[in-house]
Each structure stands twice: as C-alpha cells, then as structure tokens.
C-alpha cells in the first residue's frame, strides 16, 4: 500500500537553494516513489517558488497568519508535488531565504518559520481539504515548530512525525516572549518542551515531540550524542538514543553524472578517464590559472567558514602554492575568509582562482576539472560535495568526521595494497594532520599515477544514489505510520 509523506522543508532544489538541505529535499521524493512512498513537499512561497508554480489553485486561506493574510497553494513544478505557503508579508523577498540585504538574519525569521510550521501542522493533522499524510518529515529548525503545533493543537488525526537534522549547529533560537505571537501556550516554555537556556528553540521542539529522529549519516548520529558535537542538545539526543538513527545521504545520480553532465566541457566515465583532462584545462582557463596539465589542481566548493575548515586551507595554501599546487575555489561566508582568499588569488593569479558566491554550473565544472577536492570540515553531518567528487573521479581530501568518515576510504598503506582506497582523511581541526594528508595526495599524484588512477576509479565505481537511503527511510516511515510512539 502506498504511504503518503508530507516533507516540510524551507528550501528545495531546483526551486530555491542555499545548501545541501535543498538537494536532499529535491532528490529524495523521486527515490521514495520507487519504495511506494508518495511525497508532497511543503515549502514557503518565495518569489522563485511561486513563479515556478504558476497559476496554481488555492486550497486553503488564512485571514491572518502571523501578521497578514495567507494561502496554501497546490501544484507541480520540476517534477515535485508541492504545497506552498503563499504569505507575501513573510516570504515575498528576493535573494537568500534567511538573510536580508545586510547579510544578517531577517529580524522576523521566528514569525516567518513559525507561520510555515503552523500551516504545515494544519496540513499534517488533516485540517486542510482532507489531506491525511501518514507521516510528516521535518527538515531542520525552520520546520521544527510543526511538531509543537501538532502537540499543543491536537486533532482527531495524528500522523507519525520524523525530525531530520541536517546540521545541529543551526537551531532556530529566539527570545521566549515570542511564544505569544507564535500562538503557543505558556506551558511550552518548559525544559521538556521548547525552553533552551531561557530562550526557545525551534529545533528542540522538533526533537522533543517527534516519534523518531534521523540525521544524515551514521557517524554524525553517534557524534551528536556527545558533548563535543552535541551543540548543547547532546543530553536530549542521548536520552532518545533508541529513536535516533543515521541514514546516509545520497546524490541525484542523474544530475551528477560525468558521463552525461551538460555543464562540463567533456563527458567521461570510469572506462574512459581521458576527457577529464579537457575539463581540467577548461577550469584552469576559466580561473586564469596556468594551463599546466601536470599541475596538482585542488577544488573547493562551499561555505567559507571555520565550521567548514576553510581557515585551515587558507593557512596551508601559501606553502603549497610555493610547490606549484593550484586551487579553484567557489564559495561565500565569513567576510574575513572571503577577503583572505581573494587576496591570495590576486597575489598568485596563475595558481589560485577564487569566485565569491555560488554558481551551480561552476560547481559542476570544479568537480569535473579538479584533480582533488578538499573538505576540511571541523564537523560535517554528511557532506555532498565529497560524494560529487567521488562520482567525478576527483579524489576527496577530507577531515575524519561525520559523514566524511562514512563515505571516504583513506588511502593508507593497507587500503592501497588492497586496492580499495577512495580518498584521503585527516584529523579535523589539525593543521599538521591536514598538511600530511595534502602531502600524501600530492606525492601519489606526482610520483605514482597508476595508484592515483586506481583511487579515482574506486571512487567512481561506488553507488551514491538515493536508493539505499530511500529503502531505510521507507522502512522507518512505515514503522511509525502503523504505530506512532508516544
């Protein structure tokens, strides 16, 4: 029997994206369809989303929802079955969905995503046009209050609830006085509810009231129950250990396929790696780097923050540039780190290329054109860029943390002898360890090209699709749909 899932996410590829959450929310529905799970995605009505939805019908109207009229629209876009909260006073804003033009959080984010959660709870509880999802999946803090509204405004119908953590560092913490404007009772301000060090936490709401908690890799699921990685919620998570599981993310294997990628200069495969050199030359030209086929070209795509360890790469870059190593970098984040990368690119234009911002096409070109891909995160729930790199034969150099542990096999002596290595790992946050990993990669690339090519092919031969994850999610959804836990 087909199971119905309401996926509540604040971004979804290809309609609106700031990071990996959008990729997951956009790709998982198609994979779940193969497991007889029908997914309806509930998303905010940003301008780009409403434009893609077109003239879609309104299935419910609110006279007032967190300060203004709103409606829920239903339609289809990019192959996704969508419910969209059309609330212009909250979401009719171009650009980043969470940040204003000054680069800071919108001051009304609590009300914006409170309204989003309230409407999601109305859908989930069967109050909207007799929609009765068997399970509601809440993605990150922006959807977190959905579980509180389901708890404090019970209806005759109650779906199973899964809270999925993509990054525990972002928790949606706001002043306690907002409980009233959010239309939540005073009793919600309690240790076993939303209270968090004198404030309220949207993510804690999701974790407290969910039937099950998932995160995006097995290692991260273990890490977040420890004080080191638990971001202040490790006690809560450890206490719910039997209900916490890590399901490793996949990637859209059709969108990210070097054999059929329209964004790259030349397509290639495990059986024919030769054209990868064309992509390297094109990437060097794009960034104005020296067009040297033998240069060791590193790639990096993502947020330029300390969490992502880009300050470590920045610190090590001068000594590797002195050895002729090149870097092609795409990303944005901490202004200090942005400025520093731009400065080193200006000082070494033939060796370092830097583009601040995000460009989906350029991300594909870096994954295809670089020799190795650097992910030096201090913590990493799953990571998708290293999965893309594996798929593209661009060998990942990653920190030994979170989902990076679960997806990359270090090229130590034993793994090399066995012919199973897929990349290089190092202790997170350690400059000496990262230097040693870069050295190992550089040495194999320059002195043992046969081993390098074997590592490439090992990575490219893996299955990084959503099929395995979809099976695990479907089994979990069916378990709580039939018997939601109290």
Protein backbone atom coordinates (compact mmCIF):
# COMPACT_ATOMS: atom_id res chain seq x y z
CA UNK A 1 0.00 0.00 0.00
CA UNK A 2 1.26 3.46 -0.88
CA UNK A 3 2.38 5.52 2.12
CA UNK A 4 1.88 9.30 1.99
CA UNK A 5 4.61 11.60 3.30
CA UNK A 6 4.47 15.34 3.90
CA UNK A 7 8.04 16.67 3.62
CA UNK A 8 8.37 20.07 5.29
CA UNK A 9 11.47 21.92 4.09
CA UNK A 10 12.46 25.57 3.86
CA UNK A 11 14.30 25.09 0.55
CA UNK A 12 14.14 22.61 -2.29
CA UNK A 13 16.26 22.17 -5.42
CA UNK A 14 15.90 23.32 -8.16
CA UNK A 15 13.46 25.99 -6.97
CA UNK A 16 15.37 27.55 -4.07
CA UNK A 17 18.76 26.50 -2.70
CA UNK A 18 21.36 27.68 -0.22
CA UNK A 19 22.92 24.31 0.62
CA UNK A 20 22.63 20.55 0.91
CA UNK A 21 19.18 20.64 2.52
CA UNK A 22 17.72 21.77 -0.81
CA UNK A 23 19.47 18.95 -2.67
CA UNK A 24 18.10 16.36 -0.26
CA UNK A 25 14.57 17.76 -0.25
CA UNK A 26 14.57 17.91 -4.05
CA UNK A 27 16.04 14.48 -4.79
CA UNK A 28 14.53 12.24 -2.11
CA UNK A 29 10.90 12.28 -3.38
CA UNK A 30 11.77 10.52 -6.65
CA UNK A 31 13.79 7.86 -4.80
CA UNK A 32 10.99 7.30 -2.29
CA UNK A 33 8.50 6.84 -5.12
CA UNK A 34 10.39 3.66 -6.00
CA UNK A 35 9.60 2.43 -2.46
CA UNK A 36 5.87 3.18 -2.84
CA UNK A 37 6.07 6.37 -0.77
CA UNK A 38 4.21 9.32 -2.29
CA UNK A 39 5.83 12.61 -1.23
CA UNK A 40 4.18 16.01 -1.09
CA UNK A 41 6.67 18.76 -0.31
CA UNK A 42 5.54 21.75 1.74
CA UNK A 43 7.68 24.84 1.12
CA UNK A 44 7.48 28.61 1.72
CA UNK A 45 6.19 30.80 -1.09
CA UNK A 46 9.37 32.62 -2.02
CA UNK A 47 9.13 34.53 -5.33
CA UNK A 48 11.08 31.84 -7.22
CA UNK A 49 8.82 29.09 -5.89
CA UNK A 50 5.57 30.89 -6.73
CA UNK A 51 6.90 31.74 -10.18
CA UNK A 52 7.65 28.08 -10.86
CA UNK A 53 4.24 27.06 -9.53
CA UNK A 54 2.40 29.35 -11.93
CA UNK A 55 -1.37 29.81 -11.69
CA UNK A 56 -1.92 27.10 -9.10
CA UNK A 57 -5.14 26.69 -7.16
CA UNK A 58 -5.60 27.85 -3.57
CA UNK A 59 -6.75 25.01 -1.33
CA UNK A 60 -6.91 26.98 1.94
CA UNK A 61 -6.93 30.60 3.06
CA UNK A 62 -5.93 32.26 6.34
CA UNK A 63 -7.45 35.62 7.19
CA UNK A 64 -4.44 36.25 9.38
CA UNK A 65 -1.31 34.16 9.88
CA UNK A 66 1.49 35.76 11.89
CA UNK A 67 0.59 39.26 10.84
CA UNK A 68 -1.12 39.01 7.49
CA UNK A 69 -3.36 37.05 5.14
CA UNK A 70 -2.01 33.86 3.64
CA UNK A 71 -3.00 30.93 1.48
CA UNK A 72 -1.87 27.40 0.75
CA UNK A 73 -1.48 26.62 -2.94
CA UNK A 74 -1.10 23.22 -4.53
CA UNK A 75 0.68 22.46 -7.78
CA UNK A 76 3.55 20.79 -9.52
CA UNK A 77 6.94 22.15 -10.52
CA UNK A 78 10.21 20.48 -11.55
CA UNK A 79 8.55 17.10 -11.13
CA UNK A 80 7.70 17.83 -7.48
CA UNK A 81 4.25 17.62 -5.90
CA UNK A 82 4.10 20.87 -3.92
CA UNK A 83 2.08 22.61 -1.28
CA UNK A 84 3.22 26.22 -0.94
CA UNK A 85 2.52 28.74 1.80
CA UNK A 86 1.74 31.95 -0.08
CA UNK A 87 2.26 34.64 2.57
CA UNK A 88 3.65 37.77 0.90
CA UNK A 89 4.22 39.61 4.19
CA UNK A 90 6.61 36.85 5.21
CA UNK A 91 8.18 35.41 2.07
CA UNK A 92 7.89 37.90 -0.80
CA UNK A 93 11.59 38.71 -0.57
CA UNK A 94 14.22 38.04 -3.21
CA UNK A 95 17.66 36.65 -2.51
CA UNK A 96 18.69 34.42 0.35
CA UNK A 97 15.62 32.95 2.09
CA UNK A 98 17.03 33.53 5.57
CA UNK A 99 19.18 36.65 5.27
CA UNK A 100 18.34 40.24 4.45
CA UNK A 101 20.33 42.54 2.13
CA UNK A 102 22.69 43.36 5.02
CA UNK A 103 23.72 39.70 5.29
CA UNK A 104 22.03 39.27 8.66
CA UNK A 105 19.05 37.10 9.60
CA UNK A 106 15.69 38.64 8.79
CA UNK A 107 14.50 40.05 12.15
CA UNK A 108 11.13 38.30 11.78
CA UNK A 109 12.51 34.83 10.99
CA UNK A 110 10.79 33.40 14.07
CA UNK A 111 7.39 34.51 12.78
CA UNK A 112 8.19 33.56 9.19
CA UNK A 113 9.07 29.98 10.01
CA UNK A 114 6.57 29.83 12.85
CA UNK A 115 3.84 30.54 10.31
CA UNK A 116 5.35 27.99 7.96
CA UNK A 117 5.33 25.38 10.73
CA UNK A 118 1.80 26.26 11.82
CA UNK A 119 0.47 25.77 8.31
CA UNK A 120 2.43 22.53 7.95
CA UNK A 121 0.83 21.26 11.16
CA UNK A 122 -2.60 22.14 9.80
CA UNK A 123 -1.88 20.08 6.71
CA UNK A 124 -0.33 17.25 8.69
CA UNK A 125 -3.25 16.99 11.10
CA UNK A 126 -5.83 16.62 8.33
CA UNK A 127 -7.34 20.10 8.74
CA UNK A 128 -6.72 21.13 5.11
CA UNK A 129 -9.02 19.68 2.44
CA UNK A 130 -8.92 16.19 3.96
CA UNK A 131 -5.22 15.72 3.28
CA UNK A 132 -4.07 12.99 5.67
CA UNK A 133 -0.34 12.24 5.38
CA UNK A 134 0.72 9.06 7.12
CA UNK A 135 4.00 10.68 8.18
CA UNK A 136 5.34 14.24 8.41
CA UNK A 137 9.09 14.73 7.98
CA UNK A 138 10.50 17.94 9.43
CA UNK A 139 13.77 19.17 7.93
CA UNK A 140 15.92 21.27 10.28
CA UNK A 141 14.89 24.09 12.59
CA UNK A 142 12.83 26.02 10.07
CA UNK A 143 10.20 23.25 10.19
CA UNK A 144 10.75 22.46 13.87
CA UNK A 145 7.68 24.11 15.41
CA UNK A 146 5.44 21.85 13.31
CA UNK A 147 5.76 19.16 15.97
CA UNK A 148 4.85 21.65 18.72
CA UNK A 149 1.71 22.77 16.90
CA UNK A 150 0.73 19.14 16.33
CA UNK A 151 1.26 18.50 20.06
CA UNK A 152 -0.49 21.55 21.50
CA UNK A 153 -3.32 21.71 18.94
CA UNK A 154 -4.28 18.03 18.64
CA UNK A 155 -6.87 16.88 16.16
CA UNK A 156 -8.61 13.56 15.69
CA UNK A 157 -5.89 12.64 13.21
CA UNK A 158 -2.23 12.48 14.19
CA UNK A 159 0.47 11.46 11.70
CA UNK A 160 3.82 9.91 12.58
CA UNK A 161 6.50 12.59 12.92
CA UNK A 162 10.16 12.32 11.92
CA UNK A 163 12.61 15.12 12.73
CA UNK A 164 15.59 15.12 10.37
CA UNK A 165 18.71 17.02 11.43
CA UNK A 166 20.85 18.25 8.54
CA UNK A 167 23.07 20.42 10.75
CA UNK A 168 22.67 20.59 14.54
CA UNK A 169 24.61 23.85 14.67
CA UNK A 170 21.57 25.75 13.38
CA UNK A 171 18.81 25.51 15.97
CA UNK A 172 16.43 28.44 15.47
CA UNK A 173 16.86 30.03 18.92
CA UNK A 174 14.66 33.04 19.69
CA UNK A 175 13.51 35.12 22.69
CA UNK A 176 10.94 33.49 24.96
CA UNK A 177 8.49 36.41 24.64
CA UNK A 178 7.73 35.22 21.11
CA UNK A 179 5.69 32.28 22.45
CA UNK A 180 2.62 34.54 22.47
CA UNK A 181 3.00 35.90 18.94
CA UNK A 182 3.70 32.33 17.79
CA UNK A 183 0.37 31.28 19.33
CA UNK A 184 1.93 28.69 21.61
CA UNK A 185 0.83 28.17 25.23
CA UNK A 186 2.87 29.25 28.23
CA UNK A 187 3.37 25.59 29.14
CA UNK A 188 5.56 25.24 26.05
CA UNK A 189 8.23 27.20 27.91
CA UNK A 190 9.50 24.21 29.87
CA UNK A 191 12.60 22.05 29.99
CA UNK A 192 10.73 19.12 28.42
CA UNK A 193 9.39 21.38 25.68
CA UNK A 194 10.83 24.43 23.88
CA UNK A 195 12.81 26.16 26.65
CA UNK A 196 16.52 26.41 25.92
CA UNK A 197 18.69 28.42 28.34
CA UNK A 198 15.98 31.00 28.88
CA UNK A 199 15.01 31.18 25.21
CA UNK A 200 13.03 28.93 22.85
CA UNK A 201 14.48 26.54 20.28
CA UNK A 202 12.63 25.52 17.14
CA UNK A 203 14.91 22.53 16.63
CA UNK A 204 14.42 21.34 20.20
CA UNK A 205 10.69 21.41 19.54
CA UNK A 206 11.18 19.04 16.62
CA UNK A 207 13.33 16.65 18.67
CA UNK A 208 11.13 16.66 21.78
CA UNK A 209 7.84 15.86 20.07
CA UNK A 210 8.98 13.66 17.15
CA UNK A 211 8.40 9.91 17.08
CA UNK A 212 11.79 9.37 15.51
CA UNK A 213 14.91 11.47 14.93
CA UNK A 214 17.14 10.96 11.93
CA UNK A 215 20.29 12.63 10.79
CA UNK A 216 22.19 12.37 7.58
CA UNK A 217 24.97 9.87 8.35
CA UNK A 218 25.55 7.08 10.90
CA UNK A 219 28.73 8.64 12.30
CA UNK A 220 27.06 12.03 12.80
CA UNK A 221 24.17 10.32 14.59
CA UNK A 222 26.70 8.98 17.09
CA UNK A 223 28.65 12.23 17.33
CA UNK A 224 25.70 14.45 18.23
CA UNK A 225 25.02 12.43 21.38
CA UNK A 226 28.42 13.57 22.72
CA UNK A 227 29.27 16.84 24.42
CA UNK A 228 31.89 17.67 21.77
CA UNK A 229 29.48 17.60 18.84
CA UNK A 230 26.07 17.83 20.53
CA UNK A 231 25.79 21.64 20.36
CA UNK A 232 24.10 21.83 23.76
CA UNK A 233 21.47 19.21 22.86
CA UNK A 234 23.56 16.08 23.37
CA UNK A 235 21.75 15.13 26.60
CA UNK A 236 18.37 15.24 24.90
CA UNK A 237 19.64 13.29 21.90
CA UNK A 238 21.46 10.70 24.01
CA UNK A 239 18.30 10.22 26.07
CA UNK A 240 16.38 9.39 22.90
CA UNK A 241 19.10 7.09 21.54
CA UNK A 242 16.75 4.19 20.64
CA UNK A 243 14.77 6.57 18.43
CA UNK A 244 17.79 8.21 16.74
CA UNK A 245 19.25 6.84 13.50
CA UNK A 246 21.68 7.99 10.87
CA UNK A 247 20.66 7.49 7.25
CA UNK A 248 23.43 8.41 4.84
CA UNK A 249 22.52 10.99 2.22
CA UNK A 250 22.66 10.15 -1.44
CA UNK A 251 23.00 12.32 -4.51
CA UNK A 252 20.95 12.82 -7.64
CA UNK A 253 22.90 10.36 -9.78
CA UNK A 254 21.33 11.67 -12.99
CA UNK A 255 22.12 15.31 -12.28
CA UNK A 256 25.64 14.49 -11.09
CA UNK A 257 26.97 12.14 -13.77
CA UNK A 258 30.24 12.93 -15.56
CA UNK A 259 29.20 10.70 -18.45
CA UNK A 260 26.15 12.86 -19.18
CA UNK A 261 26.68 16.23 -17.49
CA UNK A 262 25.70 19.15 -19.78
CA UNK A 263 27.56 21.67 -17.60
CA UNK A 264 31.07 20.32 -18.14
CA UNK A 265 33.44 20.71 -21.10
CA UNK A 266 33.84 16.99 -21.91
CA UNK A 267 31.99 13.94 -20.64
CA UNK A 268 33.93 10.97 -19.31
CA UNK A 269 33.49 7.74 -17.36
CA UNK A 270 35.40 5.11 -15.41
CA UNK A 271 36.13 3.31 -18.67
CA UNK A 272 37.38 6.48 -20.34
CA UNK A 273 39.00 8.96 -17.98
CA UNK A 274 40.91 10.74 -20.74
CA UNK A 275 38.44 13.59 -21.31
CA UNK A 276 38.76 14.62 -17.65
CA UNK A 277 41.94 16.40 -18.74
CA UNK A 278 39.85 18.61 -21.02
CA UNK A 279 37.77 19.68 -18.02
CA UNK A 280 40.94 20.48 -16.09
CA UNK A 281 42.26 22.67 -18.89
CA UNK A 282 38.90 24.44 -19.19
CA UNK A 283 38.79 25.07 -15.43
CA UNK A 284 42.32 26.48 -15.49
CA UNK A 285 41.32 28.81 -18.32
CA UNK A 286 38.17 29.92 -16.54
CA UNK A 287 40.08 30.99 -13.43
CA UNK A 288 43.09 32.32 -15.37
CA UNK A 289 45.42 29.68 -13.93
CA UNK A 290 48.50 28.41 -15.71
CA UNK A 291 47.32 25.79 -18.21
CA UNK A 292 49.62 23.07 -16.97
CA UNK A 293 48.23 19.51 -17.27
CA UNK A 294 50.73 18.26 -14.68
CA UNK A 295 49.93 20.86 -12.01
CA UNK A 296 48.13 19.45 -8.96
CA UNK A 297 44.77 21.26 -9.05
CA UNK A 298 42.66 21.34 -5.89
CA UNK A 299 38.97 22.20 -5.91
CA UNK A 300 36.74 23.57 -3.15
CA UNK A 301 33.05 24.49 -3.20
CA UNK A 302 31.02 25.56 -0.19
CA UNK A 303 30.64 27.91 2.72
CA UNK A 304 33.79 29.80 3.65
CA UNK A 305 33.53 29.33 7.41
CA UNK A 306 35.52 27.88 10.28
CA UNK A 307 32.98 25.03 10.56
CA UNK A 308 33.95 24.02 7.04
CA UNK A 309 37.65 24.34 7.96
CA UNK A 310 38.41 26.77 5.16
CA UNK A 311 40.61 28.78 7.54
CA UNK A 312 42.88 25.70 7.68
CA UNK A 313 43.12 25.55 3.91
CA UNK A 314 43.86 29.27 3.88
CA UNK A 315 46.68 28.84 6.39
CA UNK A 316 48.31 26.00 4.43
CA UNK A 317 47.81 27.43 0.95
CA UNK A 318 50.96 29.60 0.75
CA UNK A 319 53.34 26.67 1.29
CA UNK A 320 51.55 24.51 -1.29
CA UNK A 321 51.36 27.37 -3.78
CA UNK A 322 55.14 27.61 -3.42
CA UNK A 323 55.25 24.00 -4.67
CA UNK A 324 53.15 24.85 -7.73
CA UNK A 325 49.85 23.48 -6.40
CA UNK A 326 46.77 25.22 -7.85
CA UNK A 327 43.36 25.95 -6.29
CA UNK A 328 39.95 26.64 -7.85
CA UNK A 329 37.58 27.85 -5.14
CA UNK A 330 33.88 28.78 -5.19
CA UNK A 331 32.04 29.87 -2.07
CA UNK A 332 30.92 32.56 0.32
CA UNK A 333 30.63 33.03 4.04
CA UNK A 334 32.83 34.72 6.62
CA UNK A 335 33.86 38.11 5.13
CA UNK A 336 37.34 37.78 6.64
CA UNK A 337 37.90 34.42 4.97
CA UNK A 338 36.42 35.68 1.70
CA UNK A 339 38.79 38.64 1.71
CA UNK A 340 41.81 36.49 2.51
CA UNK A 341 41.14 34.04 -0.33
CA UNK A 342 40.53 36.90 -2.75
CA UNK A 343 43.84 38.46 -1.66
CA UNK A 344 45.88 35.30 -2.18
CA UNK A 345 44.23 34.82 -5.56
CA UNK A 346 45.21 38.35 -6.53
CA UNK A 347 48.79 37.73 -5.33
CA UNK A 348 49.10 34.40 -7.20
CA UNK A 349 46.74 34.67 -10.21
CA UNK A 350 48.35 31.78 -12.12
CA UNK A 351 47.92 29.39 -9.17
CA UNK A 352 44.83 30.44 -7.19
CA UNK A 353 41.40 31.19 -8.59
CA UNK A 354 38.62 32.41 -6.31
CA UNK A 355 34.99 33.24 -7.06
CA UNK A 356 32.87 34.54 -4.17
CA UNK A 357 29.23 33.44 -4.32
CA UNK A 358 27.55 30.34 -5.65
CA UNK A 359 27.08 29.14 -9.21
CA UNK A 360 25.60 25.68 -9.83
CA UNK A 361 27.21 25.35 -13.26
CA UNK A 362 30.65 26.32 -11.94
CA UNK A 363 30.25 23.83 -9.09
CA UNK A 364 29.90 21.04 -11.68
CA UNK A 365 32.92 22.35 -13.59
CA UNK A 366 35.09 22.36 -10.46
CA UNK A 367 34.01 18.84 -9.51
CA UNK A 368 34.91 17.65 -13.03
CA UNK A 369 38.08 19.69 -13.59
CA UNK A 370 40.00 19.46 -10.32
CA UNK A 371 42.38 16.62 -9.52
CA UNK A 372 41.42 16.53 -5.83
CA UNK A 373 38.65 18.08 -3.77
CA UNK A 374 39.25 19.47 -0.28
CA UNK A 375 36.65 19.19 2.53
CA UNK A 376 38.45 20.11 5.79
CA UNK A 377 35.33 20.46 7.98
CA UNK A 378 35.58 20.57 11.75
CA UNK A 379 32.22 18.81 11.76
CA UNK A 380 30.17 17.58 8.82
CA UNK A 381 26.75 15.91 9.20
CA UNK A 382 27.09 14.20 5.83
CA UNK A 383 28.55 16.37 3.11
CA UNK A 384 27.53 16.13 -0.51
CA UNK A 385 30.46 17.74 -2.29
CA UNK A 386 32.75 14.80 -1.48
CA UNK A 387 30.11 12.44 -2.94
CA UNK A 388 30.04 14.50 -6.13
CA UNK A 389 33.86 14.41 -6.16
CA UNK A 390 33.92 10.61 -5.81
CA UNK A 391 31.44 10.31 -8.66
CA UNK A 392 33.61 12.59 -10.84
CA UNK A 393 36.95 10.92 -10.16
CA UNK A 394 38.13 13.99 -8.27
CA UNK A 395 39.78 12.47 -5.24
CA UNK A 396 38.45 13.85 -1.93
CA UNK A 397 40.80 15.01 0.83
CA UNK A 398 38.56 15.17 3.89
CA UNK A 399 38.51 15.51 7.66
CA UNK A 400 37.82 12.34 9.64
CA UNK A 401 34.44 13.43 10.94
CA UNK A 402 30.71 12.84 10.41
CA UNK A 403 29.54 11.65 7.02
CA UNK A 404 33.02 12.14 5.58
CA UNK A 405 34.10 9.11 7.63
CA UNK A 406 31.22 7.08 6.21
CA UNK A 407 31.90 7.89 2.56
CA UNK A 408 35.67 8.11 2.01
CA UNK A 409 38.17 5.24 2.46
CA UNK A 410 41.57 6.62 3.41
CA UNK A 411 44.50 5.78 1.11
CA UNK A 412 46.63 4.30 3.85
CA UNK A 413 49.17 1.56 3.02
CA UNK A 414 46.73 -1.30 3.65
CA UNK A 415 43.89 0.22 1.63
CA UNK A 416 46.30 0.98 -1.21
CA UNK A 417 47.59 -2.61 -1.22
CA UNK A 418 44.05 -3.94 -1.19
CA UNK A 419 43.06 -1.53 -3.97
CA UNK A 420 40.05 -0.14 -2.07
CA UNK A 421 41.11 3.44 -1.21
CA UNK A 422 38.88 6.28 -2.44
CA UNK A 423 40.48 9.37 -0.89
CA UNK A 424 42.48 10.84 1.97
CA UNK A 425 41.44 11.55 5.56
CA UNK A 426 42.95 13.59 8.39
CA UNK A 427 42.05 14.57 11.96
CA UNK A 428 39.62 17.52 11.95
CA UNK A 429 40.87 20.93 13.01
CA UNK A 430 44.55 19.95 12.85
CA UNK A 431 46.91 21.88 10.58
CA UNK A 432 49.69 19.26 10.83
CA UNK A 433 47.26 16.45 10.01
CA UNK A 434 45.79 18.33 7.06
CA UNK A 435 49.28 19.18 5.79
CA UNK A 436 50.21 15.49 5.97
CA UNK A 437 47.08 14.46 4.02
CA UNK A 438 47.76 17.04 1.32
CA UNK A 439 51.36 15.83 1.18
CA UNK A 440 50.25 12.21 0.77
CA UNK A 441 47.88 13.16 -2.03
CA UNK A 442 50.49 15.33 -3.75
CA UNK A 443 53.11 12.58 -3.56
CA UNK A 444 50.86 9.91 -5.05
CA UNK A 445 49.63 12.29 -7.76
CA UNK A 446 53.15 13.31 -8.79
CA UNK A 447 55.00 10.02 -8.24
CA UNK A 448 52.55 7.13 -8.59
CA UNK A 449 49.97 7.96 -11.23
CA UNK A 450 48.86 4.32 -11.50
CA UNK A 451 47.77 4.32 -7.84
CA UNK A 452 46.13 7.72 -8.33
CA UNK A 453 44.11 6.41 -11.26
CA UNK A 454 43.07 3.37 -9.24
CA UNK A 455 41.82 5.59 -6.41
CA UNK A 456 39.85 7.59 -8.97
CA UNK A 457 38.19 4.50 -10.42
CA UNK A 458 37.42 3.12 -6.97
CA UNK A 459 35.56 6.28 -6.10
CA UNK A 460 33.72 6.46 -9.40
CA UNK A 461 32.50 2.86 -9.11
CA UNK A 462 30.55 3.47 -5.88
CA UNK A 463 26.76 3.72 -5.69
CA UNK A 464 25.96 7.18 -4.31
CA UNK A 465 22.34 7.29 -5.41
CA UNK A 466 19.40 7.70 -3.07
CA UNK A 467 18.21 4.10 -3.50
CA UNK A 468 19.71 2.71 -0.28
CA UNK A 469 18.65 5.70 1.81
CA UNK A 470 15.15 5.56 0.34
CA UNK A 471 14.77 1.96 1.48
CA UNK A 472 15.84 2.89 5.03
CA UNK A 473 13.54 5.92 5.15
CA UNK A 474 10.60 3.96 3.79
CA UNK A 475 11.02 1.26 6.44
CA UNK A 476 11.20 3.88 9.20
CA UNK A 477 8.16 5.77 7.87
CA UNK A 478 6.09 2.60 7.71
CA UNK A 479 7.03 1.67 11.26
CA UNK A 480 5.78 4.91 12.78
CA UNK A 481 2.81 5.30 10.44
CA UNK A 482 1.43 1.99 11.69
CA UNK A 483 2.32 2.53 15.37
CA UNK A 484 3.30 6.11 16.28
CA UNK A 485 5.24 6.11 19.53
CA UNK A 486 4.01 8.21 22.43
